[in-house]
Structures are given as structure tokens and as C-alpha cells.
């Protein structure tokens, strides 16, 4: 979500999730508001100098953050 409730990083990755899904939206518009009802909306932190992240980069960053968090839990 462009205005996600949680700015995601390794230190604040949702901890009460055994299973999770990452759903990514359009670079310019994010996901439709209907997706707010499916879980915690997150956004990836970025500099104000960056307009948006390419979708493949955003997926890589999100997957990295969640994989690092899962590795810390093990």
C-alpha cells in the first residue's frame, strides 16, 4: 500500500505470522483499498529522492526482509 500501516524493515517484520503472503501493487498506485481487509498493509522505506521502486526490486527487497526475519527466528 502506498500509505501502508507499517514501514517494513528487518527489525519490525510482523512476528506473529507462521505463514504470510506478500502482495505487490502497481508502482504508481499501489494496491486497491479492498486489500486493506486482508492483513497488515506495509510499505517499503525509501528516500524522498526516489519516486518508486521497480516491481522486481520491490519483490526482492520484501522477500529479503522476510527471509532475514525468518532466519533470525530459527
PDB file of N, CA and C in Angstrom:
ATOM      1  N   UNK A   1       0.852  -1.169   0.000  1.00  0.00           N
ATOM      2  CA  UNK A   1       0.000   0.000   0.000  1.00  0.00           C
ATOM      3  C   UNK A   1       0.899   1.234   0.000  1.00  0.00           C
ATOM      4  N   UNK A   2       0.525   2.223  -0.774  1.00  0.00           N
ATOM      5  CA  UNK A   2       1.331   3.439  -0.808  1.00  0.00           C
ATOM      6  C   UNK A   2       1.336   4.141   0.540  1.00  0.00           C
ATOM      7  N   UNK A   3       0.272   3.954   1.313  1.00  0.00           N
ATOM      8  CA  UNK A   3       0.199   4.536   2.652  1.00  0.00           C
ATOM      9  C   UNK A   3       0.119   3.424   3.690  1.00  0.00           C
ATOM     10  N   UNK A   4       0.931   2.396   3.505  1.00  0.00           N
ATOM     11  CA  UNK A   4       0.914   1.224   4.375  1.00  0.00           C
ATOM     12  C   UNK A   4       1.017   1.577   5.846  1.00  0.00           C
ATOM     13  N   UNK A   5       0.384   0.757   6.666  1.00  0.00           N
ATOM     14  CA  UNK A   5       0.350   0.976   8.103  1.00  0.00           C
ATOM     15  C   UNK A   5       1.738   0.785   8.728  1.00  0.00           C
ATOM     16  N   UNK A   6       2.540  -0.084   8.142  1.00  0.00           N
ATOM     17  CA  UNK A   6       3.832  -0.438   8.701  1.00  0.00           C
ATOM     18  C   UNK A   6       4.928  -0.212   7.668  1.00  0.00           C
ATOM     19  N   UNK A   7       5.953   0.553   8.019  1.00  0.00           N
ATOM     20  CA  UNK A   7       7.109   0.707   7.144  1.00  0.00           C
ATOM     21  C   UNK A   7       8.032  -0.469   7.445  1.00  0.00           C
ATOM     22  N   UNK A   8       8.176  -1.349   6.497  1.00  0.00           N
ATOM     23  CA  UNK A   8       8.801  -2.642   6.705  1.00  0.00           C
ATOM     24  C   UNK A   8      10.319  -2.576   6.726  1.00  0.00           C
ATOM     25  N   UNK A   9      10.918  -3.179   7.769  1.00  0.00           N
ATOM     26  CA  UNK A   9      12.348  -3.455   7.795  1.00  0.00           C
ATOM     27  C   UNK A   9      12.569  -4.703   8.642  1.00  0.00           C
ATOM     28  N   UNK A  10      13.784  -5.204   8.679  1.00  0.00           N
ATOM     29  CA  UNK A  10      14.048  -6.468   9.385  1.00  0.00           C
ATOM     30  C   UNK A  10      13.685  -6.369  10.858  1.00  0.00           C
ATOM     31  N   UNK A  11      13.873  -5.212  11.465  1.00  0.00           N
ATOM     32  CA  UNK A  11      13.604  -5.037  12.887  1.00  0.00           C
ATOM     33  C   UNK A  11      12.133  -5.019  13.262  1.00  0.00           C
ATOM     34  N   UNK A  12      11.243  -4.696  12.311  1.00  0.00           N
ATOM     35  CA  UNK A  12       9.824  -4.623  12.674  1.00  0.00           C
ATOM     36  C   UNK A  12       8.953  -5.521  11.800  1.00  0.00           C
ATOM     37  N   UNK A  13       9.543  -6.543  11.241  1.00  0.00           N
ATOM     38  CA  UNK A  13       8.794  -7.503  10.438  1.00  0.00           C
ATOM     39  C   UNK A  13       7.722  -8.142  11.328  1.00  0.00           C
ATOM     40  N   UNK A  14       6.482  -8.286  10.853  1.00  0.00           N
ATOM     41  CA  UNK A  14       5.429  -8.881  11.690  1.00  0.00           C
ATOM     42  C   UNK A  14       5.867 -10.218  12.268  1.00  0.00           C
ATOM     43  N   UNK A  15       5.785 -10.363  13.596  1.00  0.00           N
ATOM     44  CA  UNK A  15       6.350 -11.521  14.278  1.00  0.00           C
ATOM     45  C   UNK A  15       5.360 -12.623  14.581  1.00  0.00           C
ATOM     46  N   UNK A  16       4.098 -12.368  14.509  1.00  0.00           N
ATOM     47  CA  UNK A  16       3.110 -13.369  14.904  1.00  0.00           C
ATOM     48  C   UNK A  16       2.589 -14.170  13.713  1.00  0.00           C
ATOM     49  N   UNK A  17       3.374 -14.239  12.661  1.00  0.00           N
ATOM     50  CA  UNK A  17       2.914 -14.912  11.450  1.00  0.00           C
ATOM     51  C   UNK A  17       3.677 -16.204  11.222  1.00  0.00           C
ATOM     52  N   UNK A  18       2.972 -17.321  11.222  1.00  0.00           N
ATOM     53  CA  UNK A  18       3.607 -18.578  10.838  1.00  0.00           C
ATOM     54  C   UNK A  18       3.697 -18.636   9.319  1.00  0.00           C
ATOM     55  N   UNK A  19       2.650 -18.175   8.673  1.00  0.00           N
ATOM     56  CA  UNK A  19       2.586 -18.116   7.218  1.00  0.00           C
ATOM     57  C   UNK A  19       2.218 -16.699   6.806  1.00  0.00           C
ATOM     58  N   UNK A  20       2.692 -16.293   5.663  1.00  0.00           N
ATOM     59  CA  UNK A  20       2.368 -14.958   5.185  1.00  0.00           C
ATOM     60  C   UNK A  20       2.443 -14.929   3.672  1.00  0.00           C
ATOM     61  N   UNK A  21       1.835 -13.947   3.099  1.00  0.00           N
ATOM     62  CA  UNK A  21       1.907 -13.706   1.654  1.00  0.00           C
ATOM     63  C   UNK A  21       2.286 -12.256   1.448  1.00  0.00           C
ATOM     64  N   UNK A  22       3.117 -12.013   0.478  1.00  0.00           N
ATOM     65  CA  UNK A  22       3.446 -10.650   0.094  1.00  0.00           C
ATOM     66  C   UNK A  22       2.740 -10.382  -1.221  1.00  0.00           C
ATOM     67  N   UNK A  23       1.931  -9.329  -1.253  1.00  0.00           N
ATOM     68  CA  UNK A  23       1.186  -8.954  -2.455  1.00  0.00           C
ATOM     69  C   UNK A  23       1.649  -7.561  -2.842  1.00  0.00           C
ATOM     70  N   UNK A  24       2.044  -7.405  -4.084  1.00  0.00           N
ATOM     71  CA  UNK A  24       2.607  -6.137  -4.537  1.00  0.00           C
ATOM     72  C   UNK A  24       1.670  -5.470  -5.529  1.00  0.00           C
ATOM     73  N   UNK A  25       1.621  -4.148  -5.460  1.00  0.00           N
ATOM     74  CA  UNK A  25       0.772  -3.380  -6.361  1.00  0.00           C
ATOM     75  C   UNK A  25       1.583  -2.609  -7.383  1.00  0.00           C
ATOM     76  N   UNK A  26       0.869  -1.872  -8.158  1.00  0.00           N
ATOM     77  CA  UNK A  26       1.440  -1.022  -9.191  1.00  0.00           C
ATOM     78  C   UNK A  26       2.379   0.006  -8.580  1.00  0.00           C
ATOM     79  N   UNK A  27       3.465   0.326  -9.276  1.00  0.00           N
ATOM     80  CA  UNK A  27       4.443   1.289  -8.759  1.00  0.00           C
ATOM     81  C   UNK A  27       3.829   2.660  -8.478  1.00  0.00           C
ATOM     82  N   UNK A  28       2.886   3.068  -9.291  1.00  0.00           N
ATOM     83  CA  UNK A  28       2.310   4.413  -9.155  1.00  0.00           C
ATOM     84  C   UNK A  28       1.112   4.461  -8.222  1.00  0.00           C
ATOM     85  N   UNK A  29       0.283   3.413  -8.226  1.00  0.00           N
ATOM     86  CA  UNK A  29      -0.971   3.475  -7.481  1.00  0.00           C
ATOM     87  C   UNK A  29      -1.062   2.493  -6.322  1.00  0.00           C
ATOM     88  N   UNK A  30      -0.126   1.566  -6.216  1.00  0.00           N
ATOM     89  CA  UNK A  30      -0.197   0.588  -5.134  1.00  0.00           C
ATOM     90  C   UNK A  30      -1.327  -0.396  -5.365  1.00  0.00           C
ATOM     91  N   UNK A  31      -1.870  -0.927  -4.284  1.00  0.00           N
ATOM     92  CA  UNK A  31      -2.982  -1.880  -4.357  1.00  0.00           C
ATOM     93  C   UNK A  31      -4.308  -1.162  -4.130  1.00  0.00           C
ATOM     94  N   UNK A  32      -5.399  -1.712  -4.675  1.00  0.00           N
ATOM     95  CA  UNK A  32      -6.719  -1.140  -4.396  1.00  0.00           C
ATOM     96  C   UNK A  32      -7.032  -1.196  -2.894  1.00  0.00           C
ATOM     97  N   UNK A  33      -7.851  -0.297  -2.412  1.00  0.00           N
ATOM     98  CA  UNK A  33      -8.203  -0.228  -0.990  1.00  0.00           C
ATOM     99  C   UNK A  33      -8.807  -1.520  -0.458  1.00  0.00           C
ATOM    100  N   UNK A  34      -9.417  -2.339  -1.303  1.00  0.00           N
ATOM    101  CA  UNK A  34     -10.011  -3.608  -0.854  1.00  0.00           C
ATOM    102  C   UNK A  34      -8.990  -4.504  -0.157  1.00  0.00           C
ATOM    103  N   UNK A  35      -7.727  -4.366  -0.503  1.00  0.00           N
ATOM    104  CA  UNK A  35      -6.700  -5.223   0.081  1.00  0.00           C
ATOM    105  C   UNK A  35      -6.433  -4.905   1.546  1.00  0.00           C
ATOM    106  N   UNK A  36      -6.888  -3.792   2.051  1.00  0.00           N
ATOM    107  CA  UNK A  36      -6.690  -3.447   3.464  1.00  0.00           C
ATOM    108  C   UNK A  36      -7.359  -4.448   4.396  1.00  0.00           C
ATOM    109  N   UNK A  37      -8.347  -5.169   3.908  1.00  0.00           N
ATOM    110  CA  UNK A  37      -9.100  -6.110   4.737  1.00  0.00           C
ATOM    111  C   UNK A  37      -8.436  -7.475   4.834  1.00  0.00           C
ATOM    112  N   UNK A  38      -7.305  -7.674   4.166  1.00  0.00           N
ATOM    113  CA  UNK A  38      -6.684  -8.994   4.109  1.00  0.00           C
ATOM    114  C   UNK A  38      -5.475  -9.166   5.004  1.00  0.00           C
ATOM    115  N   UNK A  39      -5.094  -8.188   5.752  1.00  0.00           N
ATOM    116  CA  UNK A  39      -3.925  -8.318   6.622  1.00  0.00           C
ATOM    117  C   UNK A  39      -3.327  -6.963   6.922  1.00  0.00           C
ATOM    118  N   UNK A  40      -2.074  -6.963   7.322  1.00  0.00           N
ATOM    119  CA  UNK A  40      -1.373  -5.725   7.656  1.00  0.00           C
ATOM    120  C   UNK A  40      -0.793  -5.115   6.395  1.00  0.00           C
ATOM    121  N   UNK A  41      -1.142  -3.882   6.121  1.00  0.00           N
ATOM    122  CA  UNK A  41      -0.582  -3.207   4.952  1.00  0.00           C
ATOM    123  C   UNK A  41       0.798  -2.669   5.304  1.00  0.00           C
ATOM    124  N   UNK A  42       1.744  -2.917   4.431  1.00  0.00           N
ATOM    125  CA  UNK A  42       3.111  -2.464   4.663  1.00  0.00           C
ATOM    126  C   UNK A  42       3.600  -1.659   3.473  1.00  0.00           C
ATOM    127  N   UNK A  43       4.625  -0.890   3.714  1.00  0.00           N
ATOM    128  CA  UNK A  43       5.297  -0.192   2.619  1.00  0.00           C
ATOM    129  C   UNK A  43       6.788  -0.330   2.837  1.00  0.00           C
ATOM    130  N   UNK A  44       7.527  -0.283   1.760  1.00  0.00           N
ATOM    131  CA  UNK A  44       8.978  -0.374   1.837  1.00  0.00           C
ATOM    132  C   UNK A  44       9.547   1.021   2.025  1.00  0.00           C
ATOM    133  N   UNK A  45      10.460   1.187   2.969  1.00  0.00           N
ATOM    134  CA  UNK A  45      11.050   2.511   3.177  1.00  0.00           C
ATOM    135  C   UNK A  45      11.905   2.900   1.970  1.00  0.00           C
ATOM    136  N   UNK A  46      11.860   4.161   1.631  1.00  0.00           N
ATOM    137  CA  UNK A  46      12.714   4.655   0.557  1.00  0.00           C
ATOM    138  C   UNK A  46      12.950   6.145   0.747  1.00  0.00           C
ATOM    139  N   UNK A  47      13.978   6.613   0.129  1.00  0.00           N
ATOM    140  CA  UNK A  47      14.358   8.013   0.207  1.00  0.00           C
ATOM    141  C   UNK A  47      13.331   8.885  -0.519  1.00  0.00           C
ATOM    142  N   UNK A  48      13.210  10.118  -0.099  1.00  0.00           N
ATOM    143  CA  UNK A  48      12.321  11.041  -0.805  1.00  0.00           C
ATOM    144  C   UNK A  48      12.865  11.370  -2.198  1.00  0.00           C
ATOM    145  N   UNK A  49      14.109  10.993  -2.450  1.00  0.00           N
ATOM    146  CA  UNK A  49      14.722  11.201  -3.764  1.00  0.00           C
ATOM    147  C   UNK A  49      14.302  10.132  -4.774  1.00  0.00           C
ATOM    148  N   UNK A  50      13.573   9.106  -4.299  1.00  0.00           N
ATOM    149  CA  UNK A  50      13.149   8.006  -5.161  1.00  0.00           C
ATOM    150  C   UNK A  50      11.643   8.119  -5.370  1.00  0.00           C
ATOM    151  N   UNK A  51      11.216   8.120  -6.628  1.00  0.00           N
ATOM    152  CA  UNK A  51       9.789   8.220  -6.930  1.00  0.00           C
ATOM    153  C   UNK A  51       9.075   6.906  -6.625  1.00  0.00           C
ATOM    154  N   UNK A  52       9.612   5.798  -7.113  1.00  0.00           N
ATOM    155  CA  UNK A  52       9.025   4.488  -6.839  1.00  0.00           C
ATOM    156  C   UNK A  52      10.067   3.421  -7.113  1.00  0.00           C
ATOM    157  N   UNK A  53       9.816   2.229  -6.587  1.00  0.00           N
ATOM    158  CA  UNK A  53      10.693   1.100  -6.843  1.00  0.00           C
ATOM    159  C   UNK A  53      10.118   0.271  -7.981  1.00  0.00           C
ATOM    160  N   UNK A  54      10.973  -0.196  -8.858  1.00  0.00           N
ATOM    161  CA  UNK A  54      10.576  -1.143  -9.883  1.00  0.00           C
ATOM    162  C   UNK A  54       9.978  -2.362  -9.175  1.00  0.00           C
ATOM    163  N   UNK A  55       8.961  -2.973  -9.754  1.00  0.00           N
ATOM    164  CA  UNK A  55       8.275  -4.082  -9.091  1.00  0.00           C
ATOM    165  C   UNK A  55       9.227  -5.220  -8.749  1.00  0.00           C
ATOM    166  N   UNK A  56      10.118  -5.587  -9.657  1.00  0.00           N
ATOM    167  CA  UNK A  56      11.029  -6.698  -9.361  1.00  0.00           C
ATOM    168  C   UNK A  56      11.975  -6.345  -8.216  1.00  0.00           C
ATOM    169  N   UNK A  57      12.376  -5.094  -8.112  1.00  0.00           N
ATOM    170  CA  UNK A  57      13.227  -4.662  -6.994  1.00  0.00           C
ATOM    171  C   UNK A  57      12.428  -4.706  -5.693  1.00  0.00           C
ATOM    172  N   UNK A  58      11.193  -4.234  -5.724  1.00  0.00           N
ATOM    173  CA  UNK A  58      10.347  -4.248  -4.524  1.00  0.00           C
ATOM    174  C   UNK A  58      10.119  -5.676  -4.038  1.00  0.00           C
ATOM    175  N   UNK A  59       9.887  -6.600  -4.952  1.00  0.00           N
ATOM    176  CA  UNK A  59       9.706  -8.008  -4.571  1.00  0.00           C
ATOM    177  C   UNK A  59      10.990  -8.531  -3.928  1.00  0.00           C
ATOM    178  N   UNK A  60      12.136  -8.207  -4.519  1.00  0.00           N
ATOM    179  CA  UNK A  60      13.411  -8.644  -3.956  1.00  0.00           C
ATOM    180  C   UNK A  60      13.642  -8.103  -2.556  1.00  0.00           C
ATOM    181  N   UNK A  61      13.348  -6.823  -2.349  1.00  0.00           N
ATOM    182  CA  UNK A  61      13.532  -6.207  -1.028  1.00  0.00           C
ATOM    183  C   UNK A  61      12.572  -6.846  -0.016  1.00  0.00           C
ATOM    184  N   UNK A  62      11.305  -6.983  -0.382  1.00  0.00           N
ATOM    185  CA  UNK A  62      10.329  -7.594   0.523  1.00  0.00           C
ATOM    186  C   UNK A  62      10.688  -9.031   0.866  1.00  0.00           C
ATOM    187  N   UNK A  63      11.078  -9.820  -0.123  1.00  0.00           N
ATOM    188  CA  UNK A  63      11.465 -11.215   0.117  1.00  0.00           C
ATOM    189  C   UNK A  63      12.713 -11.278   0.996  1.00  0.00           C
ATOM    190  N   UNK A  64      13.661 -10.381   0.764  1.00  0.00           N
ATOM    191  CA  UNK A  64      14.874 -10.347   1.589  1.00  0.00           C
ATOM    192  C   UNK A  64      14.531 -10.045   3.041  1.00  0.00           C
ATOM    193  N   UNK A  65      13.726  -9.024   3.275  1.00  0.00           N
ATOM    194  CA  UNK A  65      13.378  -8.647   4.645  1.00  0.00           C
ATOM    195  C   UNK A  65      12.694  -9.801   5.364  1.00  0.00           C
ATOM    196  N   UNK A  66      11.697 -10.428   4.738  1.00  0.00           N
ATOM    197  CA  UNK A  66      11.004 -11.532   5.386  1.00  0.00           C
ATOM    198  C   UNK A  66      11.916 -12.745   5.558  1.00  0.00           C
ATOM    199  N   UNK A  67      12.801 -13.025   4.592  1.00  0.00           N
ATOM    200  CA  UNK A  67      13.694 -14.182   4.739  1.00  0.00           C
ATOM    201  C   UNK A  67      14.704 -13.939   5.853  1.00  0.00           C
ATOM    202  N   UNK A  68      15.209 -12.716   5.981  1.00  0.00           N
ATOM    203  CA  UNK A  68      16.137 -12.403   7.063  1.00  0.00           C
ATOM    204  C   UNK A  68      15.454 -12.514   8.414  1.00  0.00           C
ATOM    205  N   UNK A  69      14.215 -12.068   8.489  1.00  0.00           N
ATOM    206  CA  UNK A  69      13.483 -12.180   9.744  1.00  0.00           C
ATOM    207  C   UNK A  69      13.259 -13.649  10.091  1.00  0.00           C
ATOM    208  N   UNK A  70      12.884 -14.461   9.119  1.00  0.00           N
ATOM    209  CA  UNK A  70      12.667 -15.885   9.372  1.00  0.00           C
ATOM    210  C   UNK A  70      13.962 -16.561   9.808  1.00  0.00           C
ATOM    211  N   UNK A  71      15.085 -16.162   9.233  1.00  0.00           N
ATOM    212  CA  UNK A  71      16.376 -16.729   9.617  1.00  0.00           C
ATOM    213  C   UNK A  71      16.706 -16.378  11.076  1.00  0.00           C
ATOM    214  N   UNK A  72      16.353 -15.163  11.503  1.00  0.00           N
ATOM    215  CA  UNK A  72      16.602 -14.747  12.887  1.00  0.00           C
ATOM    216  C   UNK A  72      15.756 -15.554  13.861  1.00  0.00           C
ATOM    217  N   UNK A  73      14.568 -15.984  13.447  1.00  0.00           N
ATOM    218  CA  UNK A  73      13.662 -16.744  14.322  1.00  0.00           C
ATOM    219  C   UNK A  73      14.128 -18.174  14.510  1.00  0.00           C
ATOM    220  N   UNK A  74      14.859 -18.706  13.552  1.00  0.00           N
ATOM    221  CA  UNK A  74      15.276 -20.122  13.591  1.00  0.00           C
ATOM    222  C   UNK A  74      16.374 -20.359  14.607  1.00  0.00           C
TER     223      UNK A  74
END
